[in-house]
């Protein structure tokens, strides 16, 4: 999943969302409540009250995609903050989906260099 993310931002929507919402309902949440562009191609992640279901909404060239993961056991380590949307790196999204905290204090930083000289 990480390979195709490239320059895409990952936004984690704080709190809980009614998971009966599908593409139309979630895109309205993105546009009206989060004040973000649902057609941007960025990923918008939502979680249910029990924290055992995650939905990820994104626009892919000519239509919306909705990805879902349901845990059979356990809970997602969903961020507790309800004040603002969190912006994650691709690796943090993978941690989140694996049940690992996104606040890995010992994780290696990502570096971007312009030249080897």
PDB file of N, CA and C in Angstrom:
ATOM      1  N   UNK A   1       0.810  -1.196   0.000  1.00  0.00           N
ATOM      2  CA  UNK A   1       0.000   0.000   0.000  1.00  0.00           C
ATOM      3  C   UNK A   1       0.853   1.260   0.000  1.00  0.00           C
ATOM      4  N   UNK A   2       2.006   1.245   0.669  1.00  0.00           N
ATOM      5  CA  UNK A   2       2.825   2.447   0.779  1.00  0.00           C
ATOM      6  C   UNK A   2       3.368   2.889  -0.574  1.00  0.00           C
ATOM      7  N   UNK A   3       3.749   1.978  -1.427  1.00  0.00           N
ATOM      8  CA  UNK A   3       4.395   2.314  -2.682  1.00  0.00           C
ATOM      9  C   UNK A   3       3.616   3.270  -3.555  1.00  0.00           C
ATOM     10  N   UNK A   4       2.310   3.162  -3.597  1.00  0.00           N
ATOM     11  CA  UNK A   4       1.543   4.015  -4.488  1.00  0.00           C
ATOM     12  C   UNK A   4       1.140   5.327  -3.850  1.00  0.00           C
ATOM     13  N   UNK A   5       1.469   5.550  -2.571  1.00  0.00           N
ATOM     14  CA  UNK A   5       1.060   6.789  -1.905  1.00  0.00           C
ATOM     15  C   UNK A   5       1.807   8.011  -2.429  1.00  0.00           C
ATOM     16  N   UNK A   6       3.091   7.892  -2.700  1.00  0.00           N
ATOM     17  CA  UNK A   6       3.852   9.004  -3.257  1.00  0.00           C
ATOM     18  C   UNK A   6       3.672  10.298  -2.492  1.00  0.00           C
ATOM     19  N   UNK A   7       3.188  11.332  -3.167  1.00  0.00           N
ATOM     20  CA  UNK A   7       3.010  12.653  -2.561  1.00  0.00           C
ATOM     21  C   UNK A   7       1.629  12.848  -1.953  1.00  0.00           C
ATOM     22  N   UNK A   8       0.913  11.784  -1.750  1.00  0.00           N
ATOM     23  CA  UNK A   8      -0.438  11.869  -1.204  1.00  0.00           C
ATOM     24  C   UNK A   8      -0.378  12.107   0.294  1.00  0.00           C
ATOM     25  N   UNK A   9      -1.211  13.021   0.773  1.00  0.00           N
ATOM     26  CA  UNK A   9      -1.330  13.240   2.214  1.00  0.00           C
ATOM     27  C   UNK A   9      -2.321  12.245   2.788  1.00  0.00           C
ATOM     28  N   UNK A  10      -2.106  11.878   4.041  1.00  0.00           N
ATOM     29  CA  UNK A  10      -3.003  10.973   4.756  1.00  0.00           C
ATOM     30  C   UNK A  10      -3.580  11.753   5.925  1.00  0.00           C
ATOM     31  N   UNK A  11      -4.899  11.887   5.950  1.00  0.00           N
ATOM     32  CA  UNK A  11      -5.571  12.613   7.021  1.00  0.00           C
ATOM     33  C   UNK A  11      -6.383  11.643   7.861  1.00  0.00           C
ATOM     34  N   UNK A  12      -6.157  11.679   9.168  1.00  0.00           N
ATOM     35  CA  UNK A  12      -6.905  10.856  10.106  1.00  0.00           C
ATOM     36  C   UNK A  12      -7.957  11.750  10.751  1.00  0.00           C
ATOM     37  N   UNK A  13      -9.211  11.376  10.549  1.00  0.00           N
ATOM     38  CA  UNK A  13     -10.317  12.157  11.090  1.00  0.00           C
ATOM     39  C   UNK A  13     -10.486  11.778  12.560  1.00  0.00           C
ATOM     40  N   UNK A  14     -10.389  12.750  13.457  1.00  0.00           N
ATOM     41  CA  UNK A  14     -10.475  12.447  14.884  1.00  0.00           C
ATOM     42  C   UNK A  14     -11.879  12.031  15.297  1.00  0.00           C
ATOM     43  N   UNK A  15     -11.955  11.381  16.441  1.00  0.00           N
ATOM     44  CA  UNK A  15     -13.251  10.959  16.951  1.00  0.00           C
ATOM     45  C   UNK A  15     -13.817   9.788  16.177  1.00  0.00           C
ATOM     46  N   UNK A  16     -15.131   9.639  16.260  1.00  0.00           N
ATOM     47  CA  UNK A  16     -15.797   8.521  15.606  1.00  0.00           C
ATOM     48  C   UNK A  16     -16.724   9.023  14.518  1.00  0.00           C
ATOM     49  N   UNK A  17     -16.954   8.156  13.545  1.00  0.00           N
ATOM     50  CA  UNK A  17     -17.840   8.465  12.428  1.00  0.00           C
ATOM     51  C   UNK A  17     -18.847   7.332  12.305  1.00  0.00           C
ATOM     52  N   UNK A  18     -20.044   7.669  11.936  1.00  0.00           N
ATOM     53  CA  UNK A  18     -21.088   6.674  11.687  1.00  0.00           C
ATOM     54  C   UNK A  18     -20.682   5.860  10.458  1.00  0.00           C
ATOM     55  N   UNK A  19     -20.347   4.603  10.651  1.00  0.00           N
ATOM     56  CA  UNK A  19     -19.840   3.779   9.566  1.00  0.00           C
ATOM     57  C   UNK A  19     -20.930   3.281   8.618  1.00  0.00           C
ATOM     58  N   UNK A  20     -22.154   3.684   8.851  1.00  0.00           N
ATOM     59  CA  UNK A  20     -23.180   3.408   7.849  1.00  0.00           C
ATOM     60  C   UNK A  20     -23.001   4.322   6.650  1.00  0.00           C
ATOM     61  N   UNK A  21     -22.218   5.380   6.830  1.00  0.00           N
ATOM     62  CA  UNK A  21     -21.938   6.299   5.732  1.00  0.00           C
ATOM     63  C   UNK A  21     -21.045   5.607   4.714  1.00  0.00           C
ATOM     64  N   UNK A  22     -21.369   5.851   3.472  1.00  0.00           N
ATOM     65  CA  UNK A  22     -20.562   5.308   2.380  1.00  0.00           C
ATOM     66  C   UNK A  22     -19.847   6.476   1.695  1.00  0.00           C
ATOM     67  N   UNK A  23     -19.555   6.348   0.431  1.00  0.00           N
ATOM     68  CA  UNK A  23     -18.781   7.352  -0.299  1.00  0.00           C
ATOM     69  C   UNK A  23     -19.414   8.734  -0.217  1.00  0.00           C
ATOM     70  N   UNK A  24     -20.692   8.840  -0.516  1.00  0.00           N
ATOM     71  CA  UNK A  24     -21.332  10.155  -0.529  1.00  0.00           C
ATOM     72  C   UNK A  24     -21.308  10.811   0.846  1.00  0.00           C
ATOM     73  N   UNK A  25     -21.684  10.079   1.877  1.00  0.00           N
ATOM     74  CA  UNK A  25     -21.715  10.633   3.225  1.00  0.00           C
ATOM     75  C   UNK A  25     -20.345  11.016   3.739  1.00  0.00           C
ATOM     76  N   UNK A  26     -19.351  10.181   3.480  1.00  0.00           N
ATOM     77  CA  UNK A  26     -17.997  10.478   3.945  1.00  0.00           C
ATOM     78  C   UNK A  26     -17.377  11.642   3.177  1.00  0.00           C
ATOM     79  N   UNK A  27     -17.669  11.759   1.882  1.00  0.00           N
ATOM     80  CA  UNK A  27     -17.138  12.889   1.118  1.00  0.00           C
ATOM     81  C   UNK A  27     -17.748  14.209   1.588  1.00  0.00           C
ATOM     82  N   UNK A  28     -19.002  14.181   2.046  1.00  0.00           N
ATOM     83  CA  UNK A  28     -19.619  15.376   2.621  1.00  0.00           C
ATOM     84  C   UNK A  28     -18.924  15.752   3.928  1.00  0.00           C
ATOM     85  N   UNK A  29     -18.571  14.759   4.756  1.00  0.00           N
ATOM     86  CA  UNK A  29     -17.832  15.020   5.994  1.00  0.00           C
ATOM     87  C   UNK A  29     -16.501  15.693   5.669  1.00  0.00           C
ATOM     88  N   UNK A  30     -15.800  15.175   4.663  1.00  0.00           N
ATOM     89  CA  UNK A  30     -14.504  15.741   4.272  1.00  0.00           C
ATOM     90  C   UNK A  30     -14.665  17.197   3.850  1.00  0.00           C
ATOM     91  N   UNK A  31     -15.654  17.455   3.009  1.00  0.00           N
ATOM     92  CA  UNK A  31     -15.814  18.796   2.455  1.00  0.00           C
ATOM     93  C   UNK A  31     -16.384  19.800   3.454  1.00  0.00           C
ATOM     94  N   UNK A  32     -17.417  19.421   4.183  1.00  0.00           N
ATOM     95  CA  UNK A  32     -18.102  20.376   5.047  1.00  0.00           C
ATOM     96  C   UNK A  32     -17.527  20.451   6.454  1.00  0.00           C
ATOM     97  N   UNK A  33     -17.263  19.323   7.080  1.00  0.00           N
ATOM     98  CA  UNK A  33     -16.778  19.345   8.455  1.00  0.00           C
ATOM     99  C   UNK A  33     -15.271  19.566   8.546  1.00  0.00           C
ATOM    100  N   UNK A  34     -14.534  18.945   7.635  1.00  0.00           N
ATOM    101  CA  UNK A  34     -13.074  19.068   7.678  1.00  0.00           C
ATOM    102  C   UNK A  34     -12.560  20.226   6.836  1.00  0.00           C
ATOM    103  N   UNK A  35     -13.418  20.743   5.957  1.00  0.00           N
ATOM    104  CA  UNK A  35     -13.056  21.817   5.030  1.00  0.00           C
ATOM    105  C   UNK A  35     -11.849  21.444   4.175  1.00  0.00           C
ATOM    106  N   UNK A  36     -11.864  20.205   3.695  1.00  0.00           N
ATOM    107  CA  UNK A  36     -10.817  19.705   2.796  1.00  0.00           C
ATOM    108  C   UNK A  36     -11.472  19.343   1.457  1.00  0.00           C
ATOM    109  N   UNK A  37     -10.653  19.178   0.440  1.00  0.00           N
ATOM    110  CA  UNK A  37     -11.131  18.848  -0.898  1.00  0.00           C
ATOM    111  C   UNK A  37     -11.167  17.328  -1.072  1.00  0.00           C
ATOM    112  N   UNK A  38     -12.360  16.726  -1.149  1.00  0.00           N
ATOM    113  CA  UNK A  38     -12.419  15.267  -1.300  1.00  0.00           C
ATOM    114  C   UNK A  38     -11.902  14.784  -2.658  1.00  0.00           C
ATOM    115  N   UNK A  39     -11.759  15.695  -3.640  1.00  0.00           N
ATOM    116  CA  UNK A  39     -11.271  15.333  -4.969  1.00  0.00           C
ATOM    117  C   UNK A  39      -9.761  15.497  -5.104  1.00  0.00           C
ATOM    118  N   UNK A  40      -9.073  15.768  -4.000  1.00  0.00           N
ATOM    119  CA  UNK A  40      -7.634  16.051  -4.018  1.00  0.00           C
ATOM    120  C   UNK A  40      -6.771  14.824  -4.285  1.00  0.00           C
ATOM    121  N   UNK A  41      -7.326  13.626  -4.072  1.00  0.00           N
ATOM    122  CA  UNK A  41      -6.527  12.409  -4.194  1.00  0.00           C
ATOM    123  C   UNK A  41      -5.895  11.998  -2.875  1.00  0.00           C
ATOM    124  N   UNK A  42      -6.024  12.843  -1.855  1.00  0.00           N
ATOM    125  CA  UNK A  42      -5.494  12.511  -0.539  1.00  0.00           C
ATOM    126  C   UNK A  42      -6.377  11.461   0.132  1.00  0.00           C
ATOM    127  N   UNK A  43      -5.818  10.765   1.098  1.00  0.00           N
ATOM    128  CA  UNK A  43      -6.549   9.723   1.825  1.00  0.00           C
ATOM    129  C   UNK A  43      -7.166  10.310   3.089  1.00  0.00           C
ATOM    130  N   UNK A  44      -8.434   9.986   3.326  1.00  0.00           N
ATOM    131  CA  UNK A  44      -9.154  10.431   4.512  1.00  0.00           C
ATOM    132  C   UNK A  44      -9.585   9.190   5.278  1.00  0.00           C
ATOM    133  N   UNK A  45      -9.088   9.059   6.504  1.00  0.00           N
ATOM    134  CA  UNK A  45      -9.297   7.853   7.309  1.00  0.00           C
ATOM    135  C   UNK A  45     -10.324   8.110   8.408  1.00  0.00           C
ATOM    136  N   UNK A  46     -11.275   7.193   8.539  1.00  0.00           N
ATOM    137  CA  UNK A  46     -12.351   7.292   9.516  1.00  0.00           C
ATOM    138  C   UNK A  46     -12.392   6.024  10.358  1.00  0.00           C
ATOM    139  N   UNK A  47     -12.854   6.151  11.607  1.00  0.00           N
ATOM    140  CA  UNK A  47     -12.943   5.003  12.499  1.00  0.00           C
ATOM    141  C   UNK A  47     -14.295   5.000  13.209  1.00  0.00           C
ATOM    142  N   UNK A  48     -14.753   3.799  13.584  1.00  0.00           N
ATOM    143  CA  UNK A  48     -16.028   3.682  14.306  1.00  0.00           C
ATOM    144  C   UNK A  48     -15.807   3.772  15.815  1.00  0.00           C
ATOM    145  N   UNK A  49     -16.904   3.779  16.552  1.00  0.00           N
ATOM    146  CA  UNK A  49     -16.863   3.935  18.010  1.00  0.00           C
ATOM    147  C   UNK A  49     -16.102   2.789  18.686  1.00  0.00           C
ATOM    148  N   UNK A  50     -16.273   1.557  18.211  1.00  0.00           N
ATOM    149  CA  UNK A  50     -15.588   0.408  18.834  1.00  0.00           C
ATOM    150  C   UNK A  50     -14.117   0.315  18.444  1.00  0.00           C
ATOM    151  N   UNK A  51     -13.707   1.135  17.466  1.00  0.00           N
ATOM    152  CA  UNK A  51     -12.333   1.160  16.957  1.00  0.00           C
ATOM    153  C   UNK A  51     -11.911  -0.184  16.365  1.00  0.00           C
ATOM    154  N   UNK A  52     -12.860  -0.891  15.770  1.00  0.00           N
ATOM    155  CA  UNK A  52     -12.508  -2.139  15.103  1.00  0.00           C
ATOM    156  C   UNK A  52     -12.760  -2.070  13.597  1.00  0.00           C
ATOM    157  N   UNK A  53     -13.121  -0.880  13.102  1.00  0.00           N
ATOM    158  CA  UNK A  53     -13.408  -0.691  11.680  1.00  0.00           C
ATOM    159  C   UNK A  53     -12.834   0.646  11.220  1.00  0.00           C
ATOM    160  N   UNK A  54     -12.083   0.599  10.126  1.00  0.00           N
ATOM    161  CA  UNK A  54     -11.519   1.800   9.518  1.00  0.00           C
ATOM    162  C   UNK A  54     -11.962   1.851   8.068  1.00  0.00           C
ATOM    163  N   UNK A  55     -12.345   3.043   7.623  1.00  0.00           N
ATOM    164  CA  UNK A  55     -12.631   3.283   6.213  1.00  0.00           C
ATOM    165  C   UNK A  55     -11.706   4.380   5.726  1.00  0.00           C
ATOM    166  N   UNK A  56     -11.204   4.199   4.504  1.00  0.00           N
ATOM    167  CA  UNK A  56     -10.332   5.193   3.884  1.00  0.00           C
ATOM    168  C   UNK A  56     -10.950   5.589   2.551  1.00  0.00           C
ATOM    169  N   UNK A  57     -11.208   6.889   2.423  1.00  0.00           N
ATOM    170  CA  UNK A  57     -11.824   7.440   1.213  1.00  0.00           C
ATOM    171  C   UNK A  57     -10.785   8.221   0.435  1.00  0.00           C
ATOM    172  N   UNK A  58     -10.769   8.046  -0.894  1.00  0.00           N
ATOM    173  CA  UNK A  58      -9.889   8.858  -1.731  1.00  0.00           C
ATOM    174  C   UNK A  58     -10.432   8.905  -3.156  1.00  0.00           C
ATOM    175  N   UNK A  59     -10.046   9.957  -3.870  1.00  0.00           N
ATOM    176  CA  UNK A  59     -10.423  10.155  -5.264  1.00  0.00           C
ATOM    177  C   UNK A  59      -9.309   9.604  -6.132  1.00  0.00           C
ATOM    178  N   UNK A  60      -9.668   8.782  -7.129  1.00  0.00           N
ATOM    179  CA  UNK A  60      -8.682   8.178  -8.021  1.00  0.00           C
ATOM    180  C   UNK A  60      -9.036   8.510  -9.466  1.00  0.00           C
ATOM    181  N   UNK A  61      -8.523   9.598  -9.972  1.00  0.00           N
ATOM    182  CA  UNK A  61      -8.662  10.085 -11.348  1.00  0.00           C
ATOM    183  C   UNK A  61     -10.092  10.302 -11.811  1.00  0.00           C
ATOM    184  N   UNK A  62     -10.940   9.283 -11.753  1.00  0.00           N
ATOM    185  CA  UNK A  62     -12.285   9.428 -12.318  1.00  0.00           C
ATOM    186  C   UNK A  62     -13.386   8.866 -11.418  1.00  0.00           C
ATOM    187  N   UNK A  63     -13.060   8.664 -10.156  1.00  0.00           N
ATOM    188  CA  UNK A  63     -14.073   8.167  -9.233  1.00  0.00           C
ATOM    189  C   UNK A  63     -13.514   7.980  -7.832  1.00  0.00           C
ATOM    190  N   UNK A  64     -14.434   7.914  -6.881  1.00  0.00           N
ATOM    191  CA  UNK A  64     -14.037   7.696  -5.496  1.00  0.00           C
ATOM    192  C   UNK A  64     -13.754   6.225  -5.245  1.00  0.00           C
ATOM    193  N   UNK A  65     -12.815   5.980  -4.339  1.00  0.00           N
ATOM    194  CA  UNK A  65     -12.530   4.635  -3.853  1.00  0.00           C
ATOM    195  C   UNK A  65     -12.767   4.638  -2.345  1.00  0.00           C
ATOM    196  N   UNK A  66     -13.314   3.546  -1.856  1.00  0.00           N
ATOM    197  CA  UNK A  66     -13.545   3.400  -0.430  1.00  0.00           C
ATOM    198  C   UNK A  66     -12.949   2.072   0.000  1.00  0.00           C
ATOM    199  N   UNK A  67     -11.950   2.148   0.848  1.00  0.00           N
ATOM    200  CA  UNK A  67     -11.230   0.982   1.348  1.00  0.00           C
ATOM    201  C   UNK A  67     -11.655   0.777   2.785  1.00  0.00           C
ATOM    202  N   UNK A  68     -11.815  -0.477   3.190  1.00  0.00           N
ATOM    203  CA  UNK A  68     -12.289  -0.776   4.541  1.00  0.00           C
ATOM    204  C   UNK A  68     -11.496  -1.927   5.136  1.00  0.00           C
ATOM    205  N   UNK A  69     -11.212  -1.809   6.438  1.00  0.00           N
ATOM    206  CA  UNK A  69     -10.587  -2.911   7.172  1.00  0.00           C
ATOM    207  C   UNK A  69     -11.350  -3.089   8.476  1.00  0.00           C
ATOM    208  N   UNK A  70     -11.764  -4.331   8.738  1.00  0.00           N
ATOM    209  CA  UNK A  70     -12.447  -4.667   9.984  1.00  0.00           C
ATOM    210  C   UNK A  70     -11.603  -5.682  10.731  1.00  0.00           C
ATOM    211  N   UNK A  71     -11.335  -5.389  11.993  1.00  0.00           N
ATOM    212  CA  UNK A  71     -10.580  -6.313  12.830  1.00  0.00           C
ATOM    213  C   UNK A  71     -11.534  -7.351  13.415  1.00  0.00           C
ATOM    214  N   UNK A  72     -11.130  -8.599  13.401  1.00  0.00           N
ATOM    215  CA  UNK A  72     -11.928  -9.652  14.015  1.00  0.00           C
ATOM    216  C   UNK A  72     -11.702  -9.699  15.519  1.00  0.00           C
ATOM    217  N   UNK A  73     -10.522  -9.256  15.940  1.00  0.00           N
ATOM    218  CA  UNK A  73     -10.187  -9.151  17.360  1.00  0.00           C
ATOM    219  C   UNK A  73      -9.329  -7.913  17.543  1.00  0.00           C
ATOM    220  N   UNK A  74      -9.427  -7.308  18.707  1.00  0.00           N
ATOM    221  CA  UNK A  74      -8.581  -6.163  19.010  1.00  0.00           C
ATOM    222  C   UNK A  74      -9.177  -4.844  18.556  1.00  0.00           C
ATOM    223  N   UNK A  75      -8.402  -3.782  18.739  1.00  0.00           N
ATOM    224  CA  UNK A  75      -8.826  -2.424  18.430  1.00  0.00           C
ATOM    225  C   UNK A  75      -7.701  -1.677  17.726  1.00  0.00           C
ATOM    226  N   UNK A  76      -8.079  -0.715  16.909  1.00  0.00           N
ATOM    227  CA  UNK A  76      -7.096   0.175  16.309  1.00  0.00           C
ATOM    228  C   UNK A  76      -6.636   1.184  17.358  1.00  0.00           C
ATOM    229  N   UNK A  77      -5.374   1.558  17.297  1.00  0.00           N
ATOM    230  CA  UNK A  77      -4.824   2.592  18.170  1.00  0.00           C
ATOM    231  C   UNK A  77      -5.160   3.951  17.550  1.00  0.00           C
ATOM    232  N   UNK A  78      -6.428   4.323  17.616  1.00  0.00           N
ATOM    233  CA  UNK A  78      -6.876   5.563  16.975  1.00  0.00           C
ATOM    234  C   UNK A  78      -6.490   6.759  17.828  1.00  0.00           C
ATOM    235  N   UNK A  79      -6.015   7.832  17.214  1.00  0.00           N
ATOM    236  CA  UNK A  79      -5.628   9.025  17.982  1.00  0.00           C
ATOM    237  C   UNK A  79      -6.779   9.536  18.844  1.00  0.00           C
ATOM    238  N   UNK A  80      -6.463   9.977  20.037  1.00  0.00           N
ATOM    239  CA  UNK A  80      -7.479  10.432  20.992  1.00  0.00           C
ATOM    240  C   UNK A  80      -7.939  11.861  20.726  1.00  0.00           C
ATOM    241  N   UNK A  81      -7.090  12.667  20.096  1.00  0.00           N
ATOM    242  CA  UNK A  81      -7.398  14.072  19.850  1.00  0.00           C
ATOM    243  C   UNK A  81      -8.674  14.217  19.034  1.00  0.00           C
ATOM    244  N   UNK A  82      -9.562  15.089  19.479  1.00  0.00           N
ATOM    245  CA  UNK A  82     -10.775  15.341  18.712  1.00  0.00           C
ATOM    246  C   UNK A  82     -10.825  16.772  18.213  1.00  0.00           C
ATOM    247  N   UNK A  83      -9.745  17.529  18.396  1.00  0.00           N
ATOM    248  CA  UNK A  83      -9.748  18.927  18.004  1.00  0.00           C
ATOM    249  C   UNK A  83      -9.512  19.134  16.512  1.00  0.00           C
ATOM    250  N   UNK A  84      -8.589  18.397  15.928  1.00  0.00           N
ATOM    251  CA  UNK A  84      -8.247  18.662  14.536  1.00  0.00           C
ATOM    252  C   UNK A  84      -7.843  17.379  13.825  1.00  0.00           C
ATOM    253  N   UNK A  85      -7.894  17.450  12.518  1.00  0.00           N
ATOM    254  CA  UNK A  85      -7.501  16.320  11.680  1.00  0.00           C
ATOM    255  C   UNK A  85      -5.989  16.161  11.754  1.00  0.00           C
ATOM    256  N   UNK A  86      -5.523  14.930  11.896  1.00  0.00           N
ATOM    257  CA  UNK A  86      -4.088  14.662  11.928  1.00  0.00           C
ATOM    258  C   UNK A  86      -3.594  14.343  10.527  1.00  0.00           C
ATOM    259  N   UNK A  87      -2.446  14.866  10.189  1.00  0.00           N
ATOM    260  CA  UNK A  87      -1.810  14.547   8.920  1.00  0.00           C
ATOM    261  C   UNK A  87      -0.692  13.556   9.205  1.00  0.00           C
ATOM    262  N   UNK A  88      -0.738  12.396   8.548  1.00  0.00           N
ATOM    263  CA  UNK A  88       0.229  11.332   8.795  1.00  0.00           C
ATOM    264  C   UNK A  88       1.125  11.107   7.592  1.00  0.00           C
ATOM    265  N   UNK A  89       2.260  10.489   7.858  1.00  0.00           N
ATOM    266  CA  UNK A  89       3.110   9.965   6.790  1.00  0.00           C
ATOM    267  C   UNK A  89       2.586   8.579   6.429  1.00  0.00           C
ATOM    268  N   UNK A  90       2.965   8.090   5.273  1.00  0.00           N
ATOM    269  CA  UNK A  90       2.514   6.768   4.810  1.00  0.00           C
ATOM    270  C   UNK A  90       2.890   5.679   5.809  1.00  0.00           C
ATOM    271  N   UNK A  91       4.090   5.757   6.377  1.00  0.00           N
ATOM    272  CA  UNK A  91       4.515   4.716   7.318  1.00  0.00           C
ATOM    273  C   UNK A  91       3.666   4.737   8.580  1.00  0.00           C
ATOM    274  N   UNK A  92       3.227   5.928   9.014  1.00  0.00           N
ATOM    275  CA  UNK A  92       2.367   6.015  10.183  1.00  0.00           C
ATOM    276  C   UNK A  92       0.999   5.397   9.905  1.00  0.00           C
ATOM    277  N   UNK A  93       0.511   5.547   8.678  1.00  0.00           N
ATOM    278  CA  UNK A  93      -0.746   4.891   8.310  1.00  0.00           C
ATOM    279  C   UNK A  93      -0.598   3.382   8.407  1.00  0.00           C
ATOM    280  N   UNK A  94       0.515   2.857   7.941  1.00  0.00           N
ATOM    281  CA  UNK A  94       0.742   1.417   8.026  1.00  0.00           C
ATOM    282  C   UNK A  94       0.798   0.970   9.483  1.00  0.00           C
ATOM    283  N   UNK A  95       1.447   1.745  10.330  1.00  0.00           N
ATOM    284  CA  UNK A  95       1.487   1.430  11.764  1.00  0.00           C
ATOM    285  C   UNK A  95       0.076   1.402  12.328  1.00  0.00           C
ATOM    286  N   UNK A  96      -0.703   2.413  11.979  1.00  0.00           N
ATOM    287  CA  UNK A  96      -2.071   2.513  12.483  1.00  0.00           C
ATOM    288  C   UNK A  96      -2.888   1.291  12.092  1.00  0.00           C
ATOM    289  N   UNK A  97      -2.770   0.878  10.838  1.00  0.00           N
ATOM    290  CA  UNK A  97      -3.528  -0.280  10.346  1.00  0.00           C
ATOM    291  C   UNK A  97      -3.032  -1.597  10.933  1.00  0.00           C
ATOM    292  N   UNK A  98      -1.792  -1.622  11.406  1.00  0.00           N
ATOM    293  CA  UNK A  98      -1.226  -2.814  12.040  1.00  0.00           C
ATOM    294  C   UNK A  98      -1.475  -2.847  13.541  1.00  0.00           C
ATOM    295  N   UNK A  99      -2.090  -1.778  14.076  1.00  0.00           N
ATOM    296  CA  UNK A  99      -2.381  -1.740  15.504  1.00  0.00           C
ATOM    297  C   UNK A  99      -1.264  -1.164  16.343  1.00  0.00           C
ATOM    298  N   UNK A 100      -0.334  -0.494  15.696  1.00  0.00           N
ATOM    299  CA  UNK A 100       0.800   0.101  16.392  1.00  0.00           C
ATOM    300  C   UNK A 100       0.539   1.594  16.537  1.00  0.00           C
ATOM    301  N   UNK A 101       0.965   2.163  17.655  1.00  0.00           N
ATOM    302  CA  UNK A 101       0.788   3.592  17.886  1.00  0.00           C
ATOM    303  C   UNK A 101       1.517   4.401  16.817  1.00  0.00           C
ATOM    304  N   UNK A 102       0.901   5.491  16.376  1.00  0.00           N
ATOM    305  CA  UNK A 102       1.544   6.354  15.371  1.00  0.00           C
ATOM    306  C   UNK A 102       2.630   7.220  15.986  1.00  0.00           C
ATOM    307  N   UNK A 103       2.721   7.246  17.304  1.00  0.00           N
ATOM    308  CA  UNK A 103       3.728   8.044  18.005  1.00  0.00           C
ATOM    309  C   UNK A 103       4.928   7.182  18.365  1.00  0.00           C
ATOM    310  N   UNK A 104       5.671   6.774  17.369  1.00  0.00           N
ATOM    311  CA  UNK A 104       6.858   5.959  17.560  1.00  0.00           C
ATOM    312  C   UNK A 104       8.052   6.879  17.794  1.00  0.00           C
ATOM    313  N   UNK A 105       8.432   7.054  19.047  1.00  0.00           N
ATOM    314  CA  UNK A 105       9.502   7.987  19.383  1.00  0.00           C
ATOM    315  C   UNK A 105      10.875   7.491  18.928  1.00  0.00           C
ATOM    316  N   UNK A 106      11.033   6.198  18.746  1.00  0.00           N
ATOM    317  CA  UNK A 106      12.326   5.647  18.345  1.00  0.00           C
ATOM    318  C   UNK A 106      12.423   5.389  16.846  1.00  0.00           C
ATOM    319  N   UNK A 107      11.400   5.764  16.086  1.00  0.00           N
ATOM    320  CA  UNK A 107      11.413   5.497  14.641  1.00  0.00           C
ATOM    321  C   UNK A 107      12.454   6.383  13.957  1.00  0.00           C
ATOM    322  N   UNK A 108      13.042   5.872  12.906  1.00  0.00           N
ATOM    323  CA  UNK A 108      14.013   6.649  12.142  1.00  0.00           C
ATOM    324  C   UNK A 108      13.295   7.746  11.370  1.00  0.00           C
ATOM    325  N   UNK A 109      13.925   8.898  11.312  1.00  0.00           N
ATOM    326  CA  UNK A 109      13.375  10.023  10.556  1.00  0.00           C
ATOM    327  C   UNK A 109      13.576   9.784   9.062  1.00  0.00           C
ATOM    328  N   UNK A 110      12.734  10.409   8.257  1.00  0.00           N
ATOM    329  CA  UNK A 110      12.897  10.363   6.810  1.00  0.00           C
ATOM    330  C   UNK A 110      13.726  11.564   6.381  1.00  0.00           C
ATOM    331  N   UNK A 111      14.694  11.334   5.502  1.00  0.00           N
ATOM    332  CA  UNK A 111      15.549  12.411   5.010  1.00  0.00           C
ATOM    333  C   UNK A 111      15.386  12.535   3.512  1.00  0.00           C
ATOM    334  N   UNK A 112      15.463  13.760   3.022  1.00  0.00           N
ATOM    335  CA  UNK A 112      15.419  14.029   1.585  1.00  0.00           C
ATOM    336  C   UNK A 112      16.626  14.879   1.244  1.00  0.00           C
ATOM    337  N   UNK A 113      17.462  14.363   0.366  1.00  0.00           N
ATOM    338  CA  UNK A 113      18.646  15.088  -0.054  1.00  0.00           C
ATOM    339  C   UNK A 113      18.465  15.548  -1.493  1.00  0.00           C
ATOM    340  N   UNK A 114      19.089  16.646  -1.814  1.00  0.00           N
ATOM    341  CA  UNK A 114      19.035  17.191  -3.172  1.00  0.00           C
ATOM    342  C   UNK A 114      20.172  16.659  -4.038  1.00  0.00           C
ATOM    343  N   UNK A 115      21.283  16.338  -3.400  1.00  0.00           N
ATOM    344  CA  UNK A 115      22.465  15.904  -4.165  1.00  0.00           C
ATOM    345  C   UNK A 115      23.346  15.035  -3.274  1.00  0.00           C
ATOM    346  N   UNK A 116      24.141  14.201  -3.924  1.00  0.00           N
ATOM    347  CA  UNK A 116      25.088  13.379  -3.166  1.00  0.00           C
ATOM    348  C   UNK A 116      26.421  14.107  -2.997  1.00  0.00           C
ATOM    349  N   UNK A 117      26.575  15.236  -3.636  1.00  0.00           N
ATOM    350  CA  UNK A 117      27.812  16.020  -3.544  1.00  0.00           C
ATOM    351  C   UNK A 117      27.728  17.072  -2.495  1.00  0.00           C
TER     352      UNK A 117
END
